[in-house]
Amino acid sequence: MNTGLNLPPKVTERAFARLADINGGGPARPLRVAVAGGGCSGFQYDIRLDDAAEDDLVLSGGGQRVVVDPVSLPFLAGATIDFSDELIGARFTIDNPNASASCGCGTSFSI
């Protein structure tokens, strides 16, 4: 893995803004970004609304939070979490410098 610098992941303003839209007027639930084994390339991203755990890295912006667990953190070092709204669909995306290959769907990758 390319974690020599051990940079934390970054979250774009666009991703925080979309999370604010999702949370609407209700309580602001954090967006969890995790890495799990599986997918067509060996690892896959697990992106969902979830409560923060005590040992999570918490990234804050625009009154919103994105959380990453300590096991996933090395796989996401230096990554950028963004939101893309294109003709093929709207989704949170991850630009991960640690991934040596990824599949066409953008949700799985290999290292």
N, C-alpha and C. Protein backbone atom coordinates (compact mmCIF):
# COMPACT_ATOMS: atom_id res chain seq x y z
N MET A 1 0.83 -1.19 0.00
CA MET A 1 0.00 0.00 0.00
C MET A 1 0.87 1.23 0.00
N ASN A 2 0.36 2.29 -0.58
CA ASN A 2 1.06 3.56 -0.65
C ASN A 2 0.72 4.40 0.57
N THR A 3 1.07 3.94 1.76
CA THR A 3 0.71 4.67 2.98
C THR A 3 1.93 5.29 3.63
N GLY A 4 2.99 5.51 2.87
CA GLY A 4 4.20 6.07 3.42
C GLY A 4 3.97 7.38 4.14
N LEU A 5 3.08 8.19 3.63
CA LEU A 5 2.81 9.47 4.25
C LEU A 5 1.73 9.39 5.33
N ASN A 6 0.97 8.32 5.33
CA ASN A 6 -0.11 8.12 6.30
C ASN A 6 -1.04 9.32 6.40
N LEU A 7 -1.36 9.90 5.25
CA LEU A 7 -2.28 11.02 5.23
C LEU A 7 -3.70 10.54 5.49
N PRO A 8 -4.46 11.26 6.28
CA PRO A 8 -5.86 10.86 6.46
C PRO A 8 -6.63 11.10 5.17
N PRO A 9 -7.75 10.41 5.01
CA PRO A 9 -8.58 10.70 3.83
C PRO A 9 -9.13 12.12 3.92
N LYS A 10 -9.50 12.65 2.75
CA LYS A 10 -10.10 13.98 2.67
C LYS A 10 -11.54 13.83 2.18
N VAL A 11 -12.38 14.76 2.58
CA VAL A 11 -13.77 14.78 2.13
C VAL A 11 -14.01 16.12 1.46
N THR A 12 -14.57 16.09 0.25
CA THR A 12 -14.82 17.33 -0.48
C THR A 12 -16.04 18.05 0.09
N GLU A 13 -16.11 19.35 -0.20
CA GLU A 13 -17.28 20.14 0.20
C GLU A 13 -18.54 19.59 -0.44
N ARG A 14 -18.43 19.11 -1.69
CA ARG A 14 -19.58 18.54 -2.40
C ARG A 14 -20.12 17.31 -1.67
N ALA A 15 -19.23 16.47 -1.13
CA ALA A 15 -19.66 15.28 -0.39
C ALA A 15 -20.34 15.68 0.92
N PHE A 16 -19.77 16.65 1.64
CA PHE A 16 -20.42 17.12 2.87
C PHE A 16 -21.78 17.74 2.56
N ALA A 17 -21.89 18.49 1.45
CA ALA A 17 -23.17 19.12 1.08
C ALA A 17 -24.22 18.06 0.76
N ARG A 18 -23.83 16.99 0.05
CA ARG A 18 -24.79 15.92 -0.27
C ARG A 18 -25.22 15.19 1.00
N LEU A 19 -24.27 14.98 1.92
CA LEU A 19 -24.61 14.34 3.19
C LEU A 19 -25.60 15.21 3.96
N ALA A 20 -25.43 16.52 3.92
CA ALA A 20 -26.38 17.43 4.57
C ALA A 20 -27.77 17.29 3.94
N ASP A 21 -27.82 17.16 2.60
CA ASP A 21 -29.10 16.96 1.91
C ASP A 21 -29.75 15.66 2.36
N ILE A 22 -28.96 14.60 2.46
CA ILE A 22 -29.48 13.29 2.86
C ILE A 22 -30.04 13.35 4.28
N ASN A 23 -29.31 14.03 5.17
CA ASN A 23 -29.76 14.13 6.55
C ASN A 23 -30.95 15.06 6.71
N GLY A 24 -31.18 15.94 5.72
CA GLY A 24 -32.35 16.83 5.75
C GLY A 24 -32.44 17.60 7.05
N GLY A 25 -33.63 17.72 7.54
CA GLY A 25 -33.84 18.45 8.78
C GLY A 25 -33.68 17.59 10.02
N GLY A 26 -33.42 16.31 9.82
CA GLY A 26 -33.31 15.40 10.95
C GLY A 26 -31.93 15.44 11.59
N PRO A 27 -31.71 14.55 12.53
CA PRO A 27 -30.40 14.49 13.16
C PRO A 27 -29.33 14.12 12.14
N ALA A 28 -28.18 14.74 12.22
CA ALA A 28 -27.08 14.51 11.27
C ALA A 28 -26.37 13.20 11.59
N ARG A 29 -26.70 12.16 10.86
CA ARG A 29 -26.02 10.87 11.03
C ARG A 29 -24.75 10.88 10.21
N PRO A 30 -23.66 10.37 10.77
CA PRO A 30 -22.40 10.33 10.02
C PRO A 30 -22.47 9.35 8.85
N LEU A 31 -21.67 9.63 7.84
CA LEU A 31 -21.48 8.72 6.72
C LEU A 31 -20.26 7.86 7.05
N ARG A 32 -20.45 6.55 7.11
CA ARG A 32 -19.33 5.64 7.37
C ARG A 32 -18.75 5.20 6.03
N VAL A 33 -17.43 5.33 5.90
CA VAL A 33 -16.70 4.82 4.74
C VAL A 33 -15.75 3.76 5.27
N ALA A 34 -15.96 2.52 4.84
CA ALA A 34 -15.17 1.39 5.32
C ALA A 34 -14.70 0.56 4.13
N VAL A 35 -13.72 -0.28 4.40
CA VAL A 35 -13.19 -1.21 3.41
C VAL A 35 -13.43 -2.62 3.92
N ALA A 36 -13.96 -3.48 3.06
CA ALA A 36 -14.22 -4.88 3.43
C ALA A 36 -13.64 -5.78 2.36
N GLY A 37 -13.33 -7.00 2.73
CA GLY A 37 -12.89 -7.98 1.74
C GLY A 37 -14.04 -8.36 0.84
N GLY A 38 -13.74 -8.61 -0.43
CA GLY A 38 -14.79 -9.02 -1.36
C GLY A 38 -14.79 -8.16 -2.60
N GLY A 39 -15.85 -8.23 -3.34
CA GLY A 39 -15.95 -7.48 -4.59
C GLY A 39 -15.17 -8.18 -5.68
N CYS A 40 -15.28 -7.69 -6.89
CA CYS A 40 -14.64 -8.36 -8.02
C CYS A 40 -13.14 -8.08 -8.09
N SER A 41 -12.62 -7.16 -7.27
CA SER A 41 -11.19 -6.85 -7.31
C SER A 41 -10.46 -7.17 -6.01
N GLY A 42 -11.13 -7.75 -5.03
CA GLY A 42 -10.47 -8.15 -3.79
C GLY A 42 -10.94 -7.40 -2.56
N PHE A 43 -11.18 -6.09 -2.69
CA PHE A 43 -11.70 -5.27 -1.61
C PHE A 43 -12.88 -4.48 -2.15
N GLN A 44 -13.77 -4.09 -1.25
CA GLN A 44 -14.88 -3.26 -1.69
C GLN A 44 -15.15 -2.20 -0.63
N TYR A 45 -15.73 -1.09 -1.08
CA TYR A 45 -16.09 -0.01 -0.18
C TYR A 45 -17.48 -0.28 0.40
N ASP A 46 -17.63 0.04 1.66
CA ASP A 46 -18.91 -0.03 2.35
C ASP A 46 -19.23 1.40 2.79
N ILE A 47 -20.20 2.02 2.13
CA ILE A 47 -20.55 3.41 2.41
C ILE A 47 -22.00 3.43 2.86
N ARG A 48 -22.22 3.92 4.09
CA ARG A 48 -23.58 3.91 4.63
C ARG A 48 -23.69 4.90 5.78
N LEU A 49 -24.90 5.28 6.12
CA LEU A 49 -25.13 6.08 7.31
C LEU A 49 -24.98 5.18 8.51
N ASP A 50 -24.27 5.66 9.53
CA ASP A 50 -24.00 4.83 10.70
C ASP A 50 -23.64 5.75 11.86
N ASP A 51 -23.72 5.23 13.05
CA ASP A 51 -23.27 5.98 14.22
C ASP A 51 -21.76 5.88 14.33
N ALA A 52 -21.15 6.91 14.88
CA ALA A 52 -19.70 6.91 15.08
C ALA A 52 -19.34 6.03 16.27
N ALA A 53 -18.25 5.30 16.14
CA ALA A 53 -17.71 4.51 17.24
C ALA A 53 -16.59 5.30 17.91
N GLU A 54 -16.27 4.91 19.11
CA GLU A 54 -15.28 5.66 19.90
C GLU A 54 -13.91 5.74 19.23
N ASP A 55 -13.52 4.69 18.51
CA ASP A 55 -12.18 4.67 17.92
C ASP A 55 -12.15 5.09 16.44
N ASP A 56 -13.25 5.62 15.92
CA ASP A 56 -13.31 6.08 14.52
C ASP A 56 -12.54 7.39 14.34
N LEU A 57 -11.97 7.55 13.14
CA LEU A 57 -11.49 8.86 12.72
C LEU A 57 -12.72 9.62 12.26
N VAL A 58 -12.89 10.84 12.76
CA VAL A 58 -14.04 11.65 12.40
C VAL A 58 -13.56 12.84 11.57
N LEU A 59 -14.10 12.97 10.36
CA LEU A 59 -13.80 14.08 9.46
C LEU A 59 -15.05 14.95 9.42
N SER A 60 -14.90 16.23 9.76
CA SER A 60 -16.05 17.11 9.88
C SER A 60 -16.00 18.24 8.87
N GLY A 61 -17.19 18.66 8.42
CA GLY A 61 -17.30 19.80 7.52
C GLY A 61 -18.75 20.13 7.28
N GLY A 62 -19.09 21.40 7.25
CA GLY A 62 -20.45 21.82 6.96
C GLY A 62 -21.47 21.28 7.94
N GLY A 63 -21.08 21.07 9.18
CA GLY A 63 -22.00 20.52 10.18
C GLY A 63 -22.25 19.03 10.03
N GLN A 64 -21.48 18.36 9.16
CA GLN A 64 -21.64 16.93 8.89
C GLN A 64 -20.37 16.18 9.29
N ARG A 65 -20.49 14.86 9.41
CA ARG A 65 -19.34 14.04 9.78
C ARG A 65 -19.24 12.81 8.88
N VAL A 66 -18.00 12.46 8.53
CA VAL A 66 -17.69 11.21 7.85
C VAL A 66 -16.77 10.46 8.79
N VAL A 67 -17.05 9.17 9.01
CA VAL A 67 -16.26 8.39 9.96
C VAL A 67 -15.60 7.21 9.24
N VAL A 68 -14.39 6.89 9.70
CA VAL A 68 -13.61 5.78 9.15
C VAL A 68 -13.08 4.97 10.33
N ASP A 69 -13.30 3.66 10.30
CA ASP A 69 -12.83 2.80 11.38
C ASP A 69 -11.32 2.58 11.27
N PRO A 70 -10.64 2.22 12.37
CA PRO A 70 -9.19 2.07 12.36
C PRO A 70 -8.68 0.95 11.45
N VAL A 71 -9.46 -0.08 11.19
CA VAL A 71 -9.03 -1.16 10.30
C VAL A 71 -9.03 -0.68 8.85
N SER A 72 -10.01 0.13 8.47
CA SER A 72 -10.11 0.63 7.09
C SER A 72 -9.15 1.78 6.81
N LEU A 73 -8.74 2.49 7.84
CA LEU A 73 -7.96 3.70 7.67
C LEU A 73 -6.69 3.51 6.84
N PRO A 74 -5.86 2.46 7.04
CA PRO A 74 -4.67 2.32 6.20
C PRO A 74 -4.99 2.14 4.71
N PHE A 75 -6.13 1.54 4.40
CA PHE A 75 -6.54 1.34 3.01
C PHE A 75 -7.02 2.63 2.37
N LEU A 76 -7.39 3.62 3.20
CA LEU A 76 -7.94 4.87 2.71
C LEU A 76 -6.99 6.05 2.90
N ALA A 77 -5.73 5.78 3.27
CA ALA A 77 -4.77 6.86 3.49
C ALA A 77 -4.60 7.68 2.22
N GLY A 78 -4.78 8.98 2.35
CA GLY A 78 -4.61 9.88 1.21
C GLY A 78 -5.76 9.88 0.22
N ALA A 79 -6.82 9.11 0.48
CA ALA A 79 -7.95 9.03 -0.45
C ALA A 79 -8.81 10.29 -0.36
N THR A 80 -9.57 10.55 -1.43
CA THR A 80 -10.51 11.67 -1.45
C THR A 80 -11.91 11.11 -1.61
N ILE A 81 -12.77 11.46 -0.67
CA ILE A 81 -14.17 11.04 -0.69
C ILE A 81 -14.97 12.20 -1.29
N ASP A 82 -15.71 11.92 -2.36
CA ASP A 82 -16.41 12.95 -3.11
C ASP A 82 -17.82 12.47 -3.40
N PHE A 83 -18.61 13.32 -4.03
CA PHE A 83 -19.94 12.94 -4.48
C PHE A 83 -20.04 13.28 -5.96
N SER A 84 -20.51 12.33 -6.75
CA SER A 84 -20.64 12.51 -8.18
C SER A 84 -22.10 12.37 -8.59
N ASP A 85 -22.58 13.31 -9.37
CA ASP A 85 -23.95 13.27 -9.87
C ASP A 85 -23.89 13.36 -11.39
N GLU A 86 -23.94 12.20 -12.05
CA GLU A 86 -23.80 12.11 -13.50
C GLU A 86 -25.01 11.44 -14.10
N LEU A 87 -25.08 11.38 -15.41
CA LEU A 87 -26.20 10.74 -16.10
C LEU A 87 -26.37 9.28 -15.69
N ILE A 88 -25.25 8.60 -15.41
CA ILE A 88 -25.34 7.18 -15.06
C ILE A 88 -25.73 6.96 -13.61
N GLY A 89 -25.82 8.04 -12.83
CA GLY A 89 -26.25 7.91 -11.45
C GLY A 89 -25.50 8.84 -10.52
N ALA A 90 -26.03 8.98 -9.33
CA ALA A 90 -25.42 9.81 -8.30
C ALA A 90 -24.92 8.89 -7.20
N ARG A 91 -23.68 9.15 -6.72
CA ARG A 91 -23.11 8.28 -5.68
C ARG A 91 -21.90 8.95 -5.06
N PHE A 92 -21.58 8.49 -3.85
CA PHE A 92 -20.32 8.88 -3.24
C PHE A 92 -19.21 8.11 -3.94
N THR A 93 -18.10 8.78 -4.21
CA THR A 93 -16.98 8.15 -4.89
C THR A 93 -15.72 8.29 -4.04
N ILE A 94 -14.76 7.40 -4.30
CA ILE A 94 -13.50 7.44 -3.57
C ILE A 94 -12.36 7.38 -4.58
N ASP A 95 -11.53 8.40 -4.57
CA ASP A 95 -10.31 8.42 -5.37
C ASP A 95 -9.20 7.96 -4.43
N ASN A 96 -8.77 6.71 -4.61
CA ASN A 96 -7.88 6.07 -3.66
C ASN A 96 -6.49 5.83 -4.28
N PRO A 97 -5.46 6.55 -3.81
CA PRO A 97 -4.11 6.37 -4.35
C PRO A 97 -3.50 5.00 -4.01
N ASN A 98 -4.10 4.28 -3.07
CA ASN A 98 -3.60 2.96 -2.67
C ASN A 98 -4.06 1.85 -3.60
N ALA A 99 -5.10 2.11 -4.38
CA ALA A 99 -5.68 1.09 -5.25
C ALA A 99 -4.82 0.93 -6.50
N SER A 100 -4.37 -0.29 -6.75
CA SER A 100 -3.58 -0.55 -7.96
C SER A 100 -4.49 -0.84 -9.14
N ALA A 101 -5.71 -1.26 -8.87
CA ALA A 101 -6.69 -1.53 -9.92
C ALA A 101 -8.08 -1.42 -9.29
N SER A 102 -9.06 -1.10 -10.12
CA SER A 102 -10.43 -1.07 -9.64
C SER A 102 -11.34 -1.58 -10.74
N CYS A 103 -12.54 -1.95 -10.35
CA CYS A 103 -13.47 -2.46 -11.35
C CYS A 103 -14.27 -1.32 -11.94
N GLY A 104 -15.02 -1.60 -12.96
CA GLY A 104 -15.78 -0.58 -13.64
C GLY A 104 -16.84 0.08 -12.79
N CYS A 105 -17.35 -0.63 -11.79
CA CYS A 105 -18.42 -0.05 -10.97
C CYS A 105 -17.89 0.96 -9.97
N GLY A 106 -16.58 0.94 -9.70
CA GLY A 106 -15.98 1.89 -8.78
C GLY A 106 -16.17 1.56 -7.32
N THR A 107 -16.76 0.41 -7.01
CA THR A 107 -16.97 0.06 -5.61
C THR A 107 -16.00 -1.00 -5.10
N SER A 108 -15.21 -1.60 -6.00
CA SER A 108 -14.21 -2.57 -5.54
C SER A 108 -12.86 -2.22 -6.13
N PHE A 109 -11.81 -2.68 -5.44
CA PHE A 109 -10.46 -2.34 -5.86
C PHE A 109 -9.49 -3.37 -5.35
N SER A 110 -8.26 -3.34 -5.89
CA SER A 110 -7.20 -4.21 -5.40
C SER A 110 -6.00 -3.35 -5.03
N ILE A 111 -5.15 -3.93 -4.19
CA ILE A 111 -3.95 -3.24 -3.73
C ILE A 111 -2.74 -4.06 -4.09
